[in-house]
Amino acid sequence: MKKVSYRVSLGGIIAALCLVMMFLTAVFPPLNITLPLFAGMLITVVAIEVSTSWSFVTYAVVVVLSFFVTPDKEAWLFFTFFFGYYPVAKSYFEAMKSKVLCWLCKLVSFNISVVIIFYVTMNILGTIDLFEEFGFYNQWLIPGLLVFGNLIFIFYDYTLTQVIAAYKKWFRPTFLRKFK
């Protein structure tokens, strides 16, 4: 068991880095999906080095603080409803014995997140006019985006697995061994 000071300081540093990334979504608007994605990957470090419960605490802190710090609320939605919790929840999904059930839970989690983000973006942030402009194509646009999004999600999940493996097998032994 790591010391409490180590857990708190690592969580604080990771939370600060996540907040910087979330703030940078206003500076670099084209990265409003990419920066929350990287911020979520940073939360994984807390899960690996300390515990998953501490990583969820760090996630909660980043969600609350980034609500006030992040001018781009759409980026905040991406982090809050998917990229922030999924890298940690992924370990729970992959602990299941059935691979089919594992992937089913991952895809259901992703699709629920996408529907929540879509609903909040359309109804609360007020971008419903965008989809009304598509007229006839609107009936195929949303299902098409969901199918494409699921394909991108599978690629994201695979990439996240590789990043976590690289952290555990290369970065951690190479750079963090002197701090153990």
C-alpha atoms as a PDB file:
ATOM      1  CA  MET A   1       0.000   0.000   0.000  1.00  0.00           C
ATOM      2  CA  LYS A   2       1.395   3.351  -1.043  1.00  0.00           C
ATOM      3  CA  LYS A   3       1.631   6.178   1.442  1.00  0.00           C
ATOM      4  CA  VAL A   4      -1.275   8.582   1.546  1.00  0.00           C
ATOM      5  CA  SER A   5       0.986  11.512   0.648  1.00  0.00           C
ATOM      6  CA  TYR A   6       2.108   9.683  -2.515  1.00  0.00           C
ATOM      7  CA  ARG A   7      -1.487   8.942  -3.525  1.00  0.00           C
ATOM      8  CA  VAL A   8      -2.657  12.492  -2.920  1.00  0.00           C
ATOM      9  CA  SER A   9       0.300  14.097  -4.677  1.00  0.00           C
ATOM     10  CA  LEU A  10       0.097  11.816  -7.725  1.00  0.00           C
ATOM     11  CA  GLY A  11      -3.654  12.380  -7.955  1.00  0.00           C
ATOM     12  CA  GLY A  12      -3.136  16.134  -7.642  1.00  0.00           C
ATOM     13  CA  ILE A  13      -0.452  16.250 -10.316  1.00  0.00           C
ATOM     14  CA  ILE A  14      -2.513  14.152 -12.720  1.00  0.00           C
ATOM     15  CA  ALA A  15      -5.604  16.264 -11.977  1.00  0.00           C
ATOM     16  CA  ALA A  16      -3.613  19.453 -12.686  1.00  0.00           C
ATOM     17  CA  LEU A  17      -2.313  18.052 -15.983  1.00  0.00           C
ATOM     18  CA  CYS A  18      -5.850  17.022 -16.949  1.00  0.00           C
ATOM     19  CA  LEU A  19      -7.144  20.497 -16.109  1.00  0.00           C
ATOM     20  CA  VAL A  20      -4.447  22.088 -18.265  1.00  0.00           C
ATOM     21  CA  MET A  21      -5.449  19.841 -21.154  1.00  0.00           C
ATOM     22  CA  MET A  22      -9.107  20.674 -20.651  1.00  0.00           C
ATOM     23  CA  PHE A  23      -8.330  24.399 -20.576  1.00  0.00           C
ATOM     24  CA  LEU A  24      -6.294  24.060 -23.768  1.00  0.00           C
ATOM     25  CA  THR A  25      -9.442  22.992 -25.616  1.00  0.00           C
ATOM     26  CA  ALA A  26     -10.307  26.705 -25.703  1.00  0.00           C
ATOM     27  CA  VAL A  27      -6.867  27.611 -27.055  1.00  0.00           C
ATOM     28  CA  PHE A  28      -6.882  24.865 -29.707  1.00  0.00           C
ATOM     29  CA  PRO A  29     -10.556  24.305 -30.678  1.00  0.00           C
ATOM     30  CA  PRO A  30      -9.811  21.589 -33.284  1.00  0.00           C
ATOM     31  CA  LEU A  31      -8.509  19.442 -30.414  1.00  0.00           C
ATOM     32  CA  ASN A  32     -11.770  19.509 -28.427  1.00  0.00           C
ATOM     33  CA  ILE A  33     -12.008  15.692 -28.637  1.00  0.00           C
ATOM     34  CA  THR A  34      -8.313  14.824 -28.629  1.00  0.00           C
ATOM     35  CA  LEU A  35      -7.330  16.709 -25.471  1.00  0.00           C
ATOM     36  CA  PRO A  36     -10.080  15.130 -23.309  1.00  0.00           C
ATOM     37  CA  LEU A  37      -8.983  11.762 -24.714  1.00  0.00           C
ATOM     38  CA  PHE A  38      -5.394  12.367 -23.564  1.00  0.00           C
ATOM     39  CA  ALA A  39      -6.627  13.688 -20.217  1.00  0.00           C
ATOM     40  CA  GLY A  40      -8.528  10.438 -19.719  1.00  0.00           C
ATOM     41  CA  MET A  41      -5.408   8.449 -20.524  1.00  0.00           C
ATOM     42  CA  LEU A  42      -3.595  10.327 -17.768  1.00  0.00           C
ATOM     43  CA  ILE A  43      -6.211   9.160 -15.254  1.00  0.00           C
ATOM     44  CA  THR A  44      -5.061   5.624 -16.068  1.00  0.00           C
ATOM     45  CA  VAL A  45      -1.675   6.402 -14.490  1.00  0.00           C
ATOM     46  CA  VAL A  46      -3.385   6.853 -11.115  1.00  0.00           C
ATOM     47  CA  ALA A  47      -5.197   3.541 -11.574  1.00  0.00           C
ATOM     48  CA  ILE A  48      -1.930   1.733 -12.347  1.00  0.00           C
ATOM     49  CA  GLU A  49       0.266   3.409  -9.747  1.00  0.00           C
ATOM     50  CA  VAL A  50      -2.206   3.707  -6.863  1.00  0.00           C
ATOM     51  CA  SER A  51      -5.649   2.111  -7.313  1.00  0.00           C
ATOM     52  CA  THR A  52      -8.800   2.347  -9.364  1.00  0.00           C
ATOM     53  CA  SER A  53     -10.698   3.951  -6.497  1.00  0.00           C
ATOM     54  CA  TRP A  54      -8.153   6.795  -6.363  1.00  0.00           C
ATOM     55  CA  SER A  55      -8.390   7.175 -10.122  1.00  0.00           C
ATOM     56  CA  PHE A  56     -12.165   7.621  -9.848  1.00  0.00           C
ATOM     57  CA  VAL A  57     -11.596  10.260  -7.152  1.00  0.00           C
ATOM     58  CA  THR A  58      -9.131  12.014  -9.463  1.00  0.00           C
ATOM     59  CA  TYR A  59     -11.670  11.756 -12.288  1.00  0.00           C
ATOM     60  CA  ALA A  60     -14.377  13.320 -10.093  1.00  0.00           C
ATOM     61  CA  VAL A  61     -12.073  16.177  -9.098  1.00  0.00           C
ATOM     62  CA  VAL A  62     -11.203  16.872 -12.730  1.00  0.00           C
ATOM     63  CA  VAL A  63     -14.874  16.770 -13.765  1.00  0.00           C
ATOM     64  CA  VAL A  64     -15.907  19.306 -11.132  1.00  0.00           C
ATOM     65  CA  LEU A  65     -12.959  21.661 -11.602  1.00  0.00           C
ATOM     66  CA  SER A  66     -12.909  21.453 -15.388  1.00  0.00           C
ATOM     67  CA  PHE A  67     -16.564  22.477 -15.466  1.00  0.00           C
ATOM     68  CA  PHE A  68     -15.408  25.874 -14.225  1.00  0.00           C
ATOM     69  CA  VAL A  69     -12.081  25.997 -16.083  1.00  0.00           C
ATOM     70  CA  THR A  70     -13.070  24.689 -19.509  1.00  0.00           C
ATOM     71  CA  PRO A  71     -14.758  27.244 -21.757  1.00  0.00           C
ATOM     72  CA  ASP A  72     -15.550  24.538 -24.340  1.00  0.00           C
ATOM     73  CA  LYS A  73     -18.431  22.686 -22.677  1.00  0.00           C
ATOM     74  CA  GLU A  74     -18.589  20.127 -25.454  1.00  0.00           C
ATOM     75  CA  ALA A  75     -15.037  19.033 -24.590  1.00  0.00           C
ATOM     76  CA  TRP A  76     -16.116  18.880 -20.945  1.00  0.00           C
ATOM     77  CA  LEU A  77     -19.008  16.615 -21.956  1.00  0.00           C
ATOM     78  CA  PHE A  78     -16.655  14.273 -23.842  1.00  0.00           C
ATOM     79  CA  PHE A  79     -14.398  14.002 -20.809  1.00  0.00           C
ATOM     80  CA  THR A  80     -17.192  13.711 -18.248  1.00  0.00           C
ATOM     81  CA  PHE A  81     -19.344  11.157 -20.007  1.00  0.00           C
ATOM     82  CA  PHE A  82     -16.726   9.017 -21.711  1.00  0.00           C
ATOM     83  CA  PHE A  83     -13.000   9.773 -21.929  1.00  0.00           C
ATOM     84  CA  GLY A  84     -12.565  10.427 -18.226  1.00  0.00           C
ATOM     85  CA  TYR A  85     -14.032   7.264 -16.790  1.00  0.00           C
ATOM     86  CA  TYR A  86     -13.617   4.741 -19.613  1.00  0.00           C
ATOM     87  CA  PRO A  87      -9.860   4.106 -19.319  1.00  0.00           C
ATOM     88  CA  VAL A  88     -10.413   3.022 -15.699  1.00  0.00           C
ATOM     89  CA  ALA A  89     -13.699   1.195 -16.318  1.00  0.00           C
ATOM     90  CA  LYS A  90     -11.946  -0.700 -19.110  1.00  0.00           C
ATOM     91  CA  SER A  91     -10.005  -2.700 -16.510  1.00  0.00           C
ATOM     92  CA  TYR A  92     -13.280  -3.811 -14.917  1.00  0.00           C
ATOM     93  CA  PHE A  93     -14.727  -4.795 -18.282  1.00  0.00           C
ATOM     94  CA  GLU A  94     -11.621  -6.768 -19.189  1.00  0.00           C
ATOM     95  CA  ALA A  95     -11.702  -8.625 -15.872  1.00  0.00           C
ATOM     96  CA  MET A  96     -14.830 -10.435 -17.097  1.00  0.00           C
ATOM     97  CA  LYS A  97     -14.254 -14.029 -18.102  1.00  0.00           C
ATOM     98  CA  SER A  98     -16.369 -13.862 -21.251  1.00  0.00           C
ATOM     99  CA  LYS A  99     -14.856 -11.810 -24.075  1.00  0.00           C
ATOM    100  CA  VAL A 100     -18.279 -11.449 -25.664  1.00  0.00           C
ATOM    101  CA  LEU A 101     -19.725 -10.013 -22.456  1.00  0.00           C
ATOM    102  CA  CYS A 102     -16.657  -7.789 -22.112  1.00  0.00           C
ATOM    103  CA  TRP A 103     -17.126  -6.287 -25.580  1.00  0.00           C
ATOM    104  CA  LEU A 104     -20.867  -6.042 -25.102  1.00  0.00           C
ATOM    105  CA  CYS A 105     -20.364  -4.016 -21.903  1.00  0.00           C
ATOM    106  CA  LYS A 106     -17.750  -1.817 -23.600  1.00  0.00           C
ATOM    107  CA  LEU A 107     -20.003  -1.094 -26.581  1.00  0.00           C
ATOM    108  CA  VAL A 108     -23.069  -0.474 -24.404  1.00  0.00           C
ATOM    109  CA  SER A 109     -21.034   1.888 -22.223  1.00  0.00           C
ATOM    110  CA  PHE A 110     -19.799   3.769 -25.284  1.00  0.00           C
ATOM    111  CA  ASN A 111     -23.232   4.013 -26.906  1.00  0.00           C
ATOM    112  CA  ILE A 112     -24.920   5.205 -23.721  1.00  0.00           C
ATOM    113  CA  SER A 113     -22.208   7.849 -23.390  1.00  0.00           C
ATOM    114  CA  VAL A 114     -22.670   8.956 -26.998  1.00  0.00           C
ATOM    115  CA  VAL A 115     -26.438   9.240 -26.598  1.00  0.00           C
ATOM    116  CA  ILE A 116     -26.040  11.308 -23.416  1.00  0.00           C
ATOM    117  CA  ILE A 117     -23.464  13.588 -25.054  1.00  0.00           C
ATOM    118  CA  PHE A 118     -25.666  13.948 -28.149  1.00  0.00           C
ATOM    119  CA  TYR A 119     -28.778  14.709 -26.093  1.00  0.00           C
ATOM    120  CA  VAL A 120     -27.033  17.302 -23.911  1.00  0.00           C
ATOM    121  CA  THR A 121     -25.331  18.895 -26.919  1.00  0.00           C
ATOM    122  CA  MET A 122     -28.553  19.127 -28.901  1.00  0.00           C
ATOM    123  CA  ASN A 123     -30.986  20.150 -26.178  1.00  0.00           C
ATOM    124  CA  ILE A 124     -28.979  22.028 -23.582  1.00  0.00           C
ATOM    125  CA  LEU A 125     -26.142  23.543 -25.616  1.00  0.00           C
ATOM    126  CA  GLY A 126     -28.619  24.331 -28.395  1.00  0.00           C
ATOM    127  CA  THR A 127     -27.072  22.888 -31.549  1.00  0.00           C
ATOM    128  CA  ILE A 128     -30.280  21.230 -32.778  1.00  0.00           C
ATOM    129  CA  ASP A 129     -30.421  23.580 -35.777  1.00  0.00           C
ATOM    130  CA  LEU A 130     -27.395  21.838 -37.272  1.00  0.00           C
ATOM    131  CA  PHE A 131     -29.238  18.541 -37.710  1.00  0.00           C
ATOM    132  CA  GLU A 132     -32.429  20.194 -38.936  1.00  0.00           C
ATOM    133  CA  GLU A 133     -30.482  21.580 -41.909  1.00  0.00           C
ATOM    134  CA  PHE A 134     -29.774  18.078 -43.223  1.00  0.00           C
ATOM    135  CA  GLY A 135     -33.468  17.503 -43.943  1.00  0.00           C
ATOM    136  CA  PHE A 136     -34.033  14.144 -45.698  1.00  0.00           C
ATOM    137  CA  TYR A 137     -30.549  12.850 -44.878  1.00  0.00           C
ATOM    138  CA  ASN A 138     -31.145  13.393 -41.168  1.00  0.00           C
ATOM    139  CA  GLN A 139     -32.893  10.004 -40.818  1.00  0.00           C
ATOM    140  CA  TRP A 140     -29.684   8.233 -41.925  1.00  0.00           C
ATOM    141  CA  LEU A 141     -27.187  10.615 -40.382  1.00  0.00           C
ATOM    142  CA  ILE A 142     -27.568   9.672 -36.720  1.00  0.00           C
ATOM    143  CA  PRO A 143     -27.520   5.863 -37.225  1.00  0.00           C
ATOM    144  CA  GLY A 144     -24.599   6.270 -39.635  1.00  0.00           C
ATOM    145  CA  LEU A 145     -22.695   8.329 -37.099  1.00  0.00           C
ATOM    146  CA  LEU A 146     -23.361   5.688 -34.425  1.00  0.00           C
ATOM    147  CA  VAL A 147     -22.019   2.903 -36.638  1.00  0.00           C
ATOM    148  CA  PHE A 148     -18.957   4.956 -37.571  1.00  0.00           C
ATOM    149  CA  GLY A 149     -18.507   5.957 -33.929  1.00  0.00           C
ATOM    150  CA  ASN A 150     -18.520   2.310 -32.841  1.00  0.00           C
ATOM    151  CA  LEU A 151     -15.804   1.509 -35.372  1.00  0.00           C
ATOM    152  CA  ILE A 152     -13.722   4.414 -34.102  1.00  0.00           C
ATOM    153  CA  PHE A 153     -14.384   3.248 -30.527  1.00  0.00           C
ATOM    154  CA  ILE A 154     -12.992  -0.229 -31.295  1.00  0.00           C
ATOM    155  CA  PHE A 155      -9.846   1.417 -32.669  1.00  0.00           C
ATOM    156  CA  TYR A 156      -9.663   3.672 -29.587  1.00  0.00           C
ATOM    157  CA  ASP A 157     -10.004   0.694 -27.254  1.00  0.00           C
ATOM    158  CA  TYR A 158      -7.215  -1.166 -29.058  1.00  0.00           C
ATOM    159  CA  THR A 159      -4.974   1.919 -28.991  1.00  0.00           C
ATOM    160  CA  LEU A 160      -5.671   2.487 -25.303  1.00  0.00           C
ATOM    161  CA  THR A 161      -4.695  -1.120 -24.596  1.00  0.00           C
ATOM    162  CA  GLN A 162      -1.396  -0.560 -26.410  1.00  0.00           C
ATOM    163  CA  VAL A 163      -0.708   2.712 -24.564  1.00  0.00           C
ATOM    164  CA  ILE A 164      -1.350   1.054 -21.188  1.00  0.00           C
ATOM    165  CA  ALA A 165       0.923  -1.862 -22.126  1.00  0.00           C
ATOM    166  CA  ALA A 166       3.672   0.546 -23.250  1.00  0.00           C
ATOM    167  CA  TYR A 167       3.363   2.444 -19.971  1.00  0.00           C
ATOM    168  CA  LYS A 168       3.630  -0.742 -17.891  1.00  0.00           C
ATOM    169  CA  LYS A 169       6.366  -2.444 -19.901  1.00  0.00           C
ATOM    170  CA  TRP A 170       8.517   0.432 -21.104  1.00  0.00           C
ATOM    171  CA  PHE A 171       7.844   3.837 -19.519  1.00  0.00           C
ATOM    172  CA  ARG A 172       7.356   2.693 -15.941  1.00  0.00           C
ATOM    173  CA  PRO A 173      10.487   0.471 -15.723  1.00  0.00           C
ATOM    174  CA  THR A 174      12.639   2.923 -17.679  1.00  0.00           C
ATOM    175  CA  PHE A 175      11.702   6.225 -16.064  1.00  0.00           C
ATOM    176  CA  LEU A 176       9.997   5.459 -12.779  1.00  0.00           C
ATOM    177  CA  ARG A 177      12.254   2.697 -11.413  1.00  0.00           C
ATOM    178  CA  LYS A 178      14.482   5.207  -9.620  1.00  0.00           C
ATOM    179  CA  PHE A 179      11.474   6.484  -7.632  1.00  0.00           C
ATOM    180  CA  LYS A 180      10.408   3.075  -6.297  1.00  0.00           C
END
